[in-house]
N, C-alpha and C. Protein backbone atom coordinates (compact mmCIF):
# COMPACT_ATOMS: atom_id res chain seq x y z
N MET A 1 -49.18 105.89 36.92
CA MET A 1 -48.58 106.51 37.69
C MET A 1 -49.10 107.30 38.60
N VAL A 2 -48.74 106.75 39.84
CA VAL A 2 -49.49 107.88 41.24
C VAL A 2 -48.58 108.94 41.30
N MET A 3 -49.11 109.91 41.68
CA MET A 3 -48.79 111.46 40.91
C MET A 3 -48.25 111.58 42.46
N SER A 4 -46.84 112.47 42.95
CA SER A 4 -46.81 112.84 43.42
C SER A 4 -47.25 114.03 44.74
N THR A 5 -47.27 114.09 45.98
CA THR A 5 -47.95 115.34 46.57
C THR A 5 -46.34 116.26 46.67
N ARG A 6 -45.91 117.55 46.44
CA ARG A 6 -44.95 117.94 46.86
C ARG A 6 -45.01 119.07 48.37
N ILE A 7 -44.47 118.57 48.56
CA ILE A 7 -44.72 119.27 50.13
C ILE A 7 -43.76 120.26 50.98
N LEU A 8 -44.12 121.15 51.62
CA LEU A 8 -43.03 122.16 52.00
C LEU A 8 -43.28 121.83 53.77
N VAL A 9 -41.89 121.61 54.35
CA VAL A 9 -42.14 121.55 55.83
C VAL A 9 -41.83 122.70 56.60
N ALA A 10 -42.11 123.27 57.42
CA ALA A 10 -41.95 124.93 57.49
C ALA A 10 -42.23 124.74 59.68
N GLY A 11 -41.11 124.79 60.10
CA GLY A 11 -41.19 125.31 61.49
C GLY A 11 -39.95 126.15 62.22
N GLU A 12 -40.03 126.43 62.99
CA GLU A 12 -39.15 127.24 64.09
C GLU A 12 -38.05 126.66 65.06
N HIS A 13 -38.26 125.28 65.35
CA HIS A 13 -37.48 124.20 65.77
C HIS A 13 -36.97 123.31 64.68
N VAL A 14 -35.59 123.87 64.13
CA VAL A 14 -35.38 122.91 63.17
C VAL A 14 -34.83 121.71 63.02
N ILE A 15 -34.61 120.98 64.06
CA ILE A 15 -34.40 119.50 64.10
C ILE A 15 -35.20 118.83 64.03
N TYR A 16 -36.77 119.26 64.97
CA TYR A 16 -37.89 118.91 64.49
C TYR A 16 -38.12 118.88 63.23
N THR A 17 -38.20 120.10 62.56
CA THR A 17 -39.07 120.29 61.25
C THR A 17 -38.16 119.71 59.95
N GLU A 18 -37.00 119.25 60.70
CA GLU A 18 -35.80 118.28 59.09
C GLU A 18 -35.97 117.11 59.87
N ALA A 19 -36.73 116.56 60.56
CA ALA A 19 -36.91 115.12 61.20
C ALA A 19 -38.31 114.49 60.55
N LEU A 20 -39.21 115.61 60.78
CA LEU A 20 -40.18 115.59 59.97
C LEU A 20 -40.11 115.57 58.41
N ALA A 21 -39.46 116.23 58.09
CA ALA A 21 -38.91 116.28 56.81
C ALA A 21 -38.97 115.00 56.32
N GLY A 22 -38.31 114.47 57.19
CA GLY A 22 -36.98 113.00 56.49
C GLY A 22 -38.24 112.29 56.52
N LEU A 23 -39.25 111.91 57.72
CA LEU A 23 -40.24 110.85 57.46
C LEU A 23 -41.40 110.89 56.68
N LEU A 24 -41.68 112.41 56.78
CA LEU A 24 -42.47 112.24 55.02
C LEU A 24 -42.49 112.23 53.84
N ASN A 25 -40.78 112.23 53.49
CA ASN A 25 -40.20 111.65 52.25
C ASN A 25 -40.33 110.56 52.33
N GLN A 26 -40.40 109.83 53.25
CA GLN A 26 -40.39 107.88 52.47
C GLN A 26 -41.51 107.72 52.56
N ILE A 27 -42.73 108.44 52.61
CA ILE A 27 -44.38 107.85 52.45
C ILE A 27 -44.53 108.04 50.84
N PRO A 28 -45.02 106.79 50.54
CA PRO A 28 -45.25 107.04 49.21
C PRO A 28 -46.20 108.02 48.63
N GLY A 29 -46.10 108.53 47.75
CA GLY A 29 -47.06 109.70 46.75
C GLY A 29 -46.94 110.54 47.68
N PHE A 30 -45.64 111.18 48.55
CA PHE A 30 -45.30 112.13 49.11
C PHE A 30 -43.79 112.77 48.78
N ARG A 31 -43.30 113.59 48.45
CA ARG A 31 -41.78 114.28 48.26
C ARG A 31 -41.84 115.67 48.84
N VAL A 32 -41.11 115.64 49.92
CA VAL A 32 -40.75 117.04 50.68
C VAL A 32 -39.89 118.10 49.51
N ALA A 33 -40.66 118.92 49.47
CA ALA A 33 -39.66 120.03 48.28
C ALA A 33 -38.90 120.74 48.90
N GLY A 34 -38.98 121.02 50.41
CA GLY A 34 -37.91 122.01 51.30
C GLY A 34 -38.46 122.16 52.35
N VAL A 35 -37.52 122.96 53.02
CA VAL A 35 -37.92 122.62 54.86
C VAL A 35 -37.46 124.26 54.49
N VAL A 36 -38.83 124.93 55.56
CA VAL A 36 -38.65 126.62 55.71
C VAL A 36 -38.17 126.27 57.28
N SER A 37 -37.29 127.31 57.76
CA SER A 37 -37.80 127.88 59.47
C SER A 37 -37.77 129.40 60.25
N SER A 38 -38.84 129.87 58.74
CA SER A 38 -38.96 131.28 59.07
C SER A 38 -40.24 131.31 58.50
N HIS A 39 -40.87 132.61 59.17
CA HIS A 39 -42.45 132.09 58.48
C HIS A 39 -42.04 133.57 57.05
N ARG A 40 -41.34 134.14 56.85
CA ARG A 40 -41.52 135.07 56.31
C ARG A 40 -40.88 134.49 54.62
N GLU A 41 -40.24 133.78 55.00
CA GLU A 41 -39.78 132.76 53.76
C GLU A 41 -40.47 132.12 53.29
N LEU A 42 -41.95 131.62 53.49
CA LEU A 42 -42.70 130.88 53.35
C LEU A 42 -42.73 130.51 51.58
N VAL A 43 -43.75 132.40 51.71
CA VAL A 43 -44.76 132.20 50.17
C VAL A 43 -43.56 132.06 49.05
N PRO A 44 -41.93 132.46 49.23
CA PRO A 44 -41.00 132.32 48.21
C PRO A 44 -40.65 130.87 48.29
N ALA A 45 -40.93 130.22 49.57
CA ALA A 45 -40.47 128.85 48.89
C ALA A 45 -41.31 128.32 48.73
N ILE A 46 -42.72 128.56 48.59
CA ILE A 46 -43.69 127.42 48.00
C ILE A 46 -43.85 127.72 46.78
N ARG A 47 -43.85 129.46 46.09
CA ARG A 47 -43.26 129.84 44.65
C ARG A 47 -42.21 128.14 44.36
N LYS A 48 -41.18 128.39 45.02
CA LYS A 48 -39.88 128.17 44.29
C LYS A 48 -40.67 126.71 44.12
N ALA A 49 -40.72 126.09 44.96
CA ALA A 49 -41.13 124.31 45.30
C ALA A 49 -41.73 123.82 44.29
N ALA A 50 -42.81 125.00 44.38
CA ALA A 50 -43.96 124.50 43.26
C ALA A 50 -44.75 123.01 44.29
N ALA A 51 -44.78 123.77 45.70
CA ALA A 51 -45.01 122.70 46.63
C ALA A 51 -47.14 123.09 46.82
N GLY A 52 -47.42 122.17 46.70
CA GLY A 52 -48.93 121.64 46.72
C GLY A 52 -49.75 121.66 48.72
N SER A 53 -48.83 121.63 49.19
CA SER A 53 -48.96 121.09 50.31
C SER A 53 -48.07 122.12 51.42
N LEU A 54 -48.15 122.81 52.50
CA LEU A 54 -47.56 123.49 53.27
C LEU A 54 -47.68 122.76 55.04
N VAL A 55 -47.11 122.15 55.46
CA VAL A 55 -46.81 121.14 57.23
C VAL A 55 -46.39 122.57 57.75
N LEU A 56 -46.94 123.25 58.55
CA LEU A 56 -46.45 124.32 59.10
C LEU A 56 -46.58 123.68 60.74
N GLY A 57 -45.28 123.38 61.52
CA GLY A 57 -45.32 123.19 62.85
C GLY A 57 -45.12 124.52 63.88
N GLY A 58 -44.98 124.26 65.32
CA GLY A 58 -44.63 124.95 66.09
C GLY A 58 -45.27 126.23 66.10
N VAL A 59 -46.98 126.26 65.52
CA VAL A 59 -47.50 127.16 65.65
C VAL A 59 -47.14 128.76 66.43
N THR A 60 -46.86 129.89 65.76
CA THR A 60 -47.15 130.88 66.54
C THR A 60 -47.42 132.34 66.71
N PRO A 61 -47.49 132.93 67.30
CA PRO A 61 -48.33 134.12 66.99
C PRO A 61 -48.94 134.28 65.97
N TYR A 62 -48.17 134.66 64.89
CA TYR A 62 -48.11 134.93 63.58
C TYR A 62 -49.38 134.12 63.16
N VAL A 63 -49.35 133.18 63.70
CA VAL A 63 -50.13 132.20 62.54
C VAL A 63 -51.51 132.23 61.84
N LEU A 64 -52.05 133.47 62.67
CA LEU A 64 -53.16 133.89 61.53
C LEU A 64 -52.99 134.85 60.47
N GLU A 65 -51.63 135.41 60.41
CA GLU A 65 -51.11 136.71 59.74
C GLU A 65 -50.23 135.30 58.65
N THR A 66 -49.51 134.35 58.81
CA THR A 66 -48.72 133.62 58.15
C THR A 66 -49.75 132.55 56.87
N VAL A 67 -50.99 132.36 57.36
CA VAL A 67 -52.32 131.23 56.86
C VAL A 67 -52.46 132.33 56.02
N HIS A 68 -53.18 133.53 56.37
CA HIS A 68 -53.29 134.49 55.53
C HIS A 68 -52.69 134.60 54.24
N GLU A 69 -51.33 135.50 54.66
CA GLU A 69 -50.23 135.68 53.12
C GLU A 69 -50.65 134.34 52.42
N VAL A 70 -50.49 133.26 53.14
CA VAL A 70 -49.78 131.58 52.39
C VAL A 70 -51.31 131.54 51.37
N ARG A 71 -52.67 132.18 51.92
CA ARG A 71 -53.49 131.89 51.56
C ARG A 71 -54.24 133.28 50.14
N SER A 72 -53.32 134.24 50.44
CA SER A 72 -53.62 135.28 49.42
C SER A 72 -52.60 135.14 48.12
N HIS A 73 -51.05 134.39 48.49
CA HIS A 73 -50.04 134.53 47.42
C HIS A 73 -50.21 133.43 46.36
N VAL A 74 -50.48 132.26 46.91
CA VAL A 74 -50.31 130.34 46.92
C VAL A 74 -51.66 129.95 47.34
N PRO A 75 -53.65 130.34 46.66
CA PRO A 75 -54.39 129.74 47.23
C PRO A 75 -54.31 128.10 46.51
N HIS A 76 -53.48 128.09 45.51
CA HIS A 76 -54.08 126.57 45.72
C HIS A 76 -53.08 125.42 46.73
N CYS A 77 -51.86 125.71 47.62
CA CYS A 77 -51.43 125.79 48.62
C CYS A 77 -52.45 125.36 49.58
N GLY A 78 -52.83 123.72 49.78
CA GLY A 78 -53.14 123.18 51.54
C GLY A 78 -52.22 123.68 52.56
N ILE A 79 -52.71 123.40 53.79
CA ILE A 79 -51.94 124.15 55.29
C ILE A 79 -52.56 123.24 55.85
N THR A 80 -51.01 122.00 56.62
CA THR A 80 -52.14 121.76 57.87
C THR A 80 -50.80 122.57 58.71
N LEU A 81 -51.81 122.55 60.16
CA LEU A 81 -50.96 122.72 60.84
C LEU A 81 -50.97 121.70 62.43
N ILE A 82 -50.07 121.75 62.47
CA ILE A 82 -49.24 120.72 63.72
C ILE A 82 -49.96 122.29 64.61
N ALA A 83 -50.40 121.35 66.20
CA ALA A 83 -50.78 122.63 67.28
C ALA A 83 -50.49 122.24 68.32
N GLU A 84 -49.73 123.04 69.01
CA GLU A 84 -50.50 122.47 70.41
C GLU A 84 -51.93 121.85 71.25
N GLN A 85 -52.36 123.06 70.79
CA GLN A 85 -54.05 123.01 71.41
C GLN A 85 -54.96 123.16 70.18
N PRO A 86 -55.37 122.16 69.42
CA PRO A 86 -55.82 122.38 68.16
C PRO A 86 -57.12 123.55 68.60
N GLY A 87 -57.76 123.42 69.98
CA GLY A 87 -59.18 123.94 69.72
C GLY A 87 -59.13 125.23 69.90
N GLN A 88 -57.79 126.05 69.96
CA GLN A 88 -57.78 127.78 70.32
C GLN A 88 -58.80 128.35 69.26
N VAL A 89 -59.25 129.53 69.78
CA VAL A 89 -60.20 130.12 69.17
C VAL A 89 -59.66 130.76 68.06
N ALA A 90 -57.78 130.85 67.82
CA ALA A 90 -57.56 131.59 66.53
C ALA A 90 -56.98 130.41 66.08
N LEU A 91 -56.96 129.16 65.97
CA LEU A 91 -57.23 127.91 65.36
C LEU A 91 -58.55 127.50 64.81
N VAL A 92 -59.47 127.74 65.08
CA VAL A 92 -60.78 126.93 65.24
C VAL A 92 -61.00 128.14 63.49
N LYS A 93 -60.47 129.42 63.90
CA LYS A 93 -61.30 130.67 63.32
C LYS A 93 -60.30 129.94 61.19
N VAL A 94 -58.94 129.79 61.67
CA VAL A 94 -58.63 129.00 60.69
C VAL A 94 -58.82 128.33 60.14
N GLN A 95 -59.01 127.52 60.94
CA GLN A 95 -59.66 126.18 60.16
C GLN A 95 -60.76 126.64 58.66
N GLU A 96 -61.41 127.63 59.66
CA GLU A 96 -62.76 127.35 58.51
C GLU A 96 -62.68 127.74 56.80
N SER A 97 -61.15 127.72 56.54
CA SER A 97 -61.16 128.09 55.11
C SER A 97 -60.68 126.37 54.46
N GLU A 98 -61.19 125.96 53.45
CA GLU A 98 -61.32 125.12 52.96
C GLU A 98 -59.68 124.19 53.00
N MET A 99 -59.01 124.97 52.73
CA MET A 99 -57.91 124.03 52.26
C MET A 99 -56.50 124.75 53.70
N VAL A 100 -56.95 124.89 54.95
CA VAL A 100 -56.51 124.71 56.25
C VAL A 100 -57.33 123.38 56.62
N SER A 101 -56.33 122.27 57.29
CA SER A 101 -56.74 121.70 58.37
C SER A 101 -55.28 122.45 59.17
N VAL A 102 -56.13 121.23 60.77
CA VAL A 102 -55.54 121.43 61.72
C VAL A 102 -55.38 120.16 62.79
N ILE A 103 -54.05 120.02 63.44
CA ILE A 103 -54.14 118.15 63.63
C ILE A 103 -52.88 118.97 64.92
N SER A 104 -52.92 117.94 66.56
CA SER A 104 -52.69 118.53 67.53
C SER A 104 -50.92 117.42 67.12
N ARG A 105 -50.28 118.52 67.55
CA ARG A 105 -48.56 118.05 67.79
C ARG A 105 -48.66 116.61 68.78
N GLY A 106 -49.67 115.72 69.50
CA GLY A 106 -49.56 114.62 69.56
C GLY A 106 -50.16 114.36 68.96
N ALA A 107 -50.54 113.97 67.85
CA ALA A 107 -51.19 113.45 66.67
C ALA A 107 -50.15 111.93 66.57
N ARG A 108 -50.43 110.85 66.15
CA ARG A 108 -49.40 109.76 65.72
C ARG A 108 -49.55 110.39 64.04
N LEU A 109 -48.50 109.73 63.18
CA LEU A 109 -47.60 109.65 61.94
C LEU A 109 -48.58 110.25 61.24
N ASN A 110 -48.95 108.36 61.46
CA ASN A 110 -50.37 108.42 60.64
C ASN A 110 -51.62 109.17 60.21
N GLN A 111 -51.70 109.99 61.29
CA GLN A 111 -52.91 111.28 61.07
C GLN A 111 -52.45 112.46 60.95
N LEU A 112 -51.92 112.51 60.33
CA LEU A 112 -50.94 113.79 59.99
C LEU A 112 -50.40 113.22 58.25
N ILE A 113 -50.18 111.87 58.48
CA ILE A 113 -50.36 111.66 56.81
C ILE A 113 -51.67 111.26 56.22
N GLY A 114 -52.74 110.90 56.91
CA GLY A 114 -54.01 111.10 56.34
C GLY A 114 -55.02 112.38 56.68
N THR A 115 -54.27 113.56 56.70
CA THR A 115 -54.41 115.18 57.28
C THR A 115 -53.90 115.78 56.10
N ILE A 116 -53.00 115.11 55.60
CA ILE A 116 -52.53 115.61 54.53
C ILE A 116 -52.80 115.25 53.11
N ARG A 117 -53.23 113.93 53.30
CA ARG A 117 -54.34 112.99 51.85
C ARG A 117 -55.12 113.49 51.40
N SER A 118 -56.41 113.95 52.88
CA SER A 118 -57.01 114.87 52.63
C SER A 118 -57.83 116.30 52.38
N MET A 119 -56.14 116.94 52.36
CA MET A 119 -55.90 118.41 52.03
C MET A 119 -55.90 118.29 50.29
N GLN A 120 -55.75 117.04 49.92
CA GLN A 120 -55.12 116.67 48.81
C GLN A 120 -56.27 116.22 47.71
N ALA A 121 -56.70 115.96 48.38
CA ALA A 121 -58.41 115.22 48.08
C ALA A 121 -58.78 117.01 47.81
N ARG A 122 -59.10 117.30 49.26
CA ARG A 122 -59.56 118.90 48.54
C ARG A 122 -59.11 119.30 47.68
N GLN A 123 -57.73 119.73 47.52
CA GLN A 123 -57.56 120.14 46.21
C GLN A 123 -57.91 119.82 45.40
N GLN A 124 -58.02 119.13 45.08
CA GLN A 124 -58.31 118.21 43.68
C GLN A 124 -59.81 118.41 43.55
N ASP A 125 -60.77 117.93 44.97
CA ASP A 125 -62.64 118.86 44.63
C ASP A 125 -62.15 119.94 43.78
N LEU A 126 -61.27 120.91 44.76
CA LEU A 126 -61.67 122.08 44.75
C LEU A 126 -61.13 123.04 42.92
N ARG A 127 -59.86 121.60 42.14
CA ARG A 127 -59.61 122.33 41.11
C ARG A 127 -60.80 122.01 39.94
N GLY A 128 -62.39 121.20 40.35
CA GLY A 128 -63.46 121.34 39.93
C GLY A 128 -63.63 119.39 39.34
N SER A 129 -64.71 119.60 39.59
CA SER A 129 -65.46 118.17 38.85
C SER A 129 -65.97 118.69 38.27
N GLU A 130 -65.91 117.96 36.95
CA GLU A 130 -66.91 118.31 35.87
C GLU A 130 -67.70 118.41 35.64
N ARG A 131 -68.69 118.90 35.20
CA ARG A 131 -70.51 119.09 35.93
C ARG A 131 -70.83 118.55 34.21
N PRO A 132 -72.05 117.66 34.31
CA PRO A 132 -72.41 116.74 33.30
C PRO A 132 -73.12 117.86 32.18
N ALA A 133 -73.32 116.99 31.03
CA ALA A 133 -73.77 118.32 30.44
C ALA A 133 -75.11 118.51 30.43
N ASP A 134 -75.89 118.02 31.31
CA ASP A 134 -77.27 118.47 31.37
C ASP A 134 -77.18 120.18 32.84
N GLY A 135 -76.16 119.58 32.55
CA GLY A 135 -75.99 120.86 34.40
C GLY A 135 -75.86 120.58 35.21
N SER A 136 -76.70 119.09 35.58
CA SER A 136 -77.01 118.99 36.81
C SER A 136 -75.65 118.31 38.01
N ARG A 137 -75.83 118.38 38.91
CA ARG A 137 -74.72 117.52 40.06
C ARG A 137 -74.54 115.83 40.51
N PRO A 138 -73.30 115.72 39.82
CA PRO A 138 -73.28 114.31 40.22
C PRO A 138 -73.68 114.31 41.58
N VAL A 139 -73.46 113.20 41.90
CA VAL A 139 -74.40 112.28 43.08
C VAL A 139 -73.15 112.85 44.27
N ALA A 140 -72.03 112.23 43.91
CA ALA A 140 -70.82 112.78 44.92
C ALA A 140 -70.47 114.03 44.74
N ASP A 141 -70.92 114.89 43.95
CA ASP A 141 -70.42 115.95 44.37
C ASP A 141 -71.63 116.97 45.43
N LEU A 142 -72.80 116.06 46.16
CA LEU A 142 -73.41 116.35 46.92
C LEU A 142 -73.00 116.70 48.42
N LEU A 143 -71.69 115.83 48.25
CA LEU A 143 -70.98 115.36 49.79
C LEU A 143 -70.67 116.99 50.39
N SER A 144 -70.64 117.50 51.41
CA SER A 144 -69.99 118.46 51.51
C SER A 144 -68.84 117.67 51.86
N GLN A 145 -67.30 118.28 52.23
CA GLN A 145 -65.56 118.42 52.24
C GLN A 145 -65.79 117.62 54.00
N ARG A 146 -66.40 117.97 55.26
CA ARG A 146 -66.30 117.45 56.02
C ARG A 146 -67.50 115.89 56.11
N GLU A 147 -67.90 115.92 55.02
CA GLU A 147 -68.45 114.43 54.97
C GLU A 147 -67.66 113.35 54.40
N ARG A 148 -66.85 114.23 53.27
CA ARG A 148 -66.52 112.90 52.84
C ARG A 148 -64.81 112.80 53.25
N ASP A 149 -64.55 113.56 54.61
CA ASP A 149 -63.52 112.95 55.95
C ASP A 149 -63.72 112.15 56.84
N VAL A 150 -65.43 112.73 57.23
CA VAL A 150 -65.78 111.80 57.59
C VAL A 150 -66.08 110.27 56.82
N LEU A 151 -66.61 110.28 55.08
CA LEU A 151 -66.56 108.91 55.53
C LEU A 151 -65.34 108.55 54.76
N ARG A 152 -64.12 109.18 54.37
CA ARG A 152 -62.66 108.43 54.21
C ARG A 152 -62.02 107.96 55.47
N SER A 153 -62.72 108.31 56.82
CA SER A 153 -62.08 107.32 57.83
C SER A 153 -62.85 106.55 58.05
N THR A 154 -64.07 106.44 58.11
CA THR A 154 -65.19 105.33 58.11
C THR A 154 -64.22 104.25 57.18
N ALA A 155 -64.15 104.46 56.16
CA ALA A 155 -63.75 103.39 55.16
C ALA A 155 -62.47 102.62 55.27
N THR A 156 -61.69 103.14 56.26
CA THR A 156 -60.43 102.54 57.19
C THR A 156 -61.04 102.13 58.22
N GLY A 157 -62.20 101.65 59.08
CA GLY A 157 -62.38 101.05 60.27
C GLY A 157 -62.67 102.25 61.10
N ALA A 158 -62.09 103.19 61.23
CA ALA A 158 -62.23 104.16 62.13
C ALA A 158 -63.80 104.45 63.05
N SER A 159 -64.08 104.30 64.25
CA SER A 159 -64.64 104.43 64.83
C SER A 159 -65.17 105.67 64.90
N VAL A 160 -67.14 106.32 65.53
CA VAL A 160 -66.92 107.54 65.75
C VAL A 160 -66.35 108.42 66.23
N LYS A 161 -65.74 107.27 67.87
CA LYS A 161 -64.90 108.10 68.75
C LYS A 161 -63.29 108.87 67.92
N GLU A 162 -62.89 107.68 67.13
CA GLU A 162 -61.50 107.81 66.52
C GLU A 162 -61.83 108.80 65.89
N ILE A 163 -62.98 109.29 64.26
CA ILE A 163 -63.31 110.36 63.66
C ILE A 163 -63.25 111.91 64.57
N ALA A 164 -64.29 111.80 65.38
CA ALA A 164 -63.96 112.94 66.43
C ALA A 164 -62.54 113.29 66.48
N ARG A 165 -62.08 112.76 67.38
CA ARG A 165 -60.77 113.20 67.74
C ARG A 165 -60.03 113.31 66.52
N GLU A 166 -59.89 113.06 65.67
CA GLU A 166 -59.23 112.82 64.38
C GLU A 166 -59.30 114.25 63.70
N PHE A 167 -60.57 115.02 64.11
CA PHE A 167 -60.96 116.27 62.77
C PHE A 167 -61.52 117.44 64.29
N TYR A 168 -61.54 117.13 65.60
CA TYR A 168 -61.34 117.45 66.02
C TYR A 168 -63.21 118.34 66.53
N LEU A 169 -63.91 116.81 66.40
CA LEU A 169 -65.21 117.33 66.06
C LEU A 169 -65.97 116.64 67.39
N ALA A 170 -67.22 116.74 68.23
CA ALA A 170 -67.98 116.37 68.36
C ALA A 170 -68.62 114.96 68.05
N PRO A 171 -68.73 114.00 68.67
CA PRO A 171 -69.41 112.24 67.81
C PRO A 171 -70.68 112.85 67.57
N GLY A 172 -71.47 113.48 68.35
CA GLY A 172 -72.70 113.95 67.74
C GLY A 172 -72.74 114.66 66.03
N THR A 173 -71.40 115.40 66.21
CA THR A 173 -71.11 116.24 64.95
C THR A 173 -71.06 115.45 64.02
N VAL A 174 -70.15 114.05 64.52
CA VAL A 174 -69.91 112.71 63.82
C VAL A 174 -70.75 111.95 63.02
N ARG A 175 -71.69 111.68 63.39
CA ARG A 175 -73.22 111.40 63.37
C ARG A 175 -73.82 111.85 62.14
N ASN A 176 -74.32 113.33 63.03
CA ASN A 176 -75.06 114.08 61.90
C ASN A 176 -74.38 113.61 60.50
N LEU A 177 -73.01 114.77 60.75
CA LEU A 177 -72.70 114.47 59.52
C LEU A 177 -71.94 112.87 58.61
N THR A 178 -72.52 111.89 59.20
CA THR A 178 -72.61 110.20 58.39
C THR A 178 -74.17 110.52 58.15
N SER A 179 -74.97 110.56 58.67
CA SER A 179 -76.25 110.48 58.42
C SER A 179 -76.97 111.30 56.76
N SER A 180 -76.95 112.78 56.80
CA SER A 180 -76.34 113.06 56.02
C SER A 180 -75.99 112.95 54.45
N ALA A 181 -74.84 112.17 55.13
CA ALA A 181 -73.81 111.44 53.91
C ALA A 181 -74.84 109.94 53.21
N ILE A 182 -75.74 109.28 54.18
CA ILE A 182 -76.15 108.30 53.93
C ILE A 182 -77.07 108.21 53.26
N LYS A 183 -78.34 109.70 53.74
CA LYS A 183 -79.30 110.06 53.34
C LYS A 183 -78.84 110.48 51.37
N LYS A 184 -77.56 110.79 51.72
CA LYS A 184 -76.98 111.44 50.08
C LYS A 184 -76.80 110.43 49.35
N LEU A 185 -76.19 109.38 50.10
CA LEU A 185 -76.21 108.33 48.76
C LEU A 185 -76.83 107.51 49.00
N GLN A 186 -78.12 107.49 49.54
CA GLN A 186 -79.22 105.91 49.75
C GLN A 186 -78.49 105.22 49.86
N ALA A 187 -77.50 105.26 51.26
CA ALA A 187 -76.95 103.98 51.52
C ALA A 187 -77.67 103.64 52.47
N ARG A 188 -77.21 101.92 52.86
CA ARG A 188 -78.15 101.74 54.58
C ARG A 188 -77.33 101.46 55.68
N ASN A 189 -76.15 102.30 55.54
CA ASN A 189 -75.32 102.41 56.96
C ASN A 189 -73.85 103.37 56.80
N ARG A 190 -73.68 103.31 57.69
CA ARG A 190 -72.16 104.21 57.56
C ARG A 190 -70.66 103.75 56.32
N TYR A 191 -71.18 102.33 56.56
CA TYR A 191 -69.73 101.27 55.62
C TYR A 191 -70.54 101.75 54.38
N ASP A 192 -71.72 101.28 54.37
CA ASP A 192 -72.27 101.40 52.85
C ASP A 192 -71.74 102.49 52.29
N ALA A 193 -72.32 103.65 53.05
CA ALA A 193 -72.32 105.14 52.54
C ALA A 193 -70.94 105.66 52.14
N ALA A 194 -69.53 104.82 52.68
CA ALA A 194 -68.57 104.98 52.46
C ALA A 194 -68.07 103.92 51.41
N ARG A 195 -68.60 102.94 51.41
CA ARG A 195 -68.45 102.05 50.17
C ARG A 195 -68.77 102.69 48.48
N ILE A 196 -69.95 103.52 48.95
CA ILE A 196 -70.71 104.01 47.76
C ILE A 196 -69.13 105.05 47.21
N ALA A 197 -69.24 105.69 48.32
CA ALA A 197 -68.34 107.21 48.16
C ALA A 197 -66.87 106.15 47.47
N GLU A 198 -66.50 105.96 47.85
CA GLU A 198 -65.31 105.36 47.33
C GLU A 198 -65.38 104.77 45.48
N GLU A 199 -66.70 103.96 45.24
CA GLU A 199 -66.78 104.14 44.47
C GLU A 199 -66.94 105.06 43.18
N LEU A 200 -68.06 106.01 43.65
CA LEU A 200 -67.93 107.44 42.82
C LEU A 200 -66.61 108.18 42.93
N GLY A 201 -65.78 107.94 43.61
CA GLY A 201 -64.26 108.25 43.44
C GLY A 201 -63.79 109.39 44.39
N SER A 202 -65.35 109.64 45.47
CA SER A 202 -65.15 111.08 46.07
C SER A 202 -64.72 110.72 47.19
N ILE A 203 -64.13 109.86 47.95
CA ILE A 203 -63.16 109.81 48.58
C ILE A 203 -61.90 108.90 48.06
């Protein structure tokens, strides 16, 4: 049985927010648990809906406050921000959290779905991959979250440039992350690393 991700969709533009909620609700494995139009209602709505993921559209001047409040009161909830300019300093600062992703408003629906699924994978990772009895770390645990994200996209056949655009990274950074993952997994190339990571259940 596939476990569904309970999603709360929030934004100031009600028509846009409701339309996005309707689309996400049709995606297998996603269940929209509510729609909110005011940042003041977010924390109570997340708690009431038992949402594991928040999709926040129409980033406002309150974004840092909002993210901080959600992270403080509902730390298990992953946040995906849909922004006009994802490279803004405030948004880059927000992304430093393991549980926050930023995606461009011009992104395609499949990119948003991939971002939400990546966030879901991070949540599962943070809930704790159990350590072996000898206390050592499994090889898959040695991968950073960014390395996992890059390998997950590599597994779909995405090019280095496409991955760089998806995660707002420089192509050189994507190559460095890939090289690091290849070494950790003792793989031959990036596709082999993605295959090994999939087999280990790391992506």
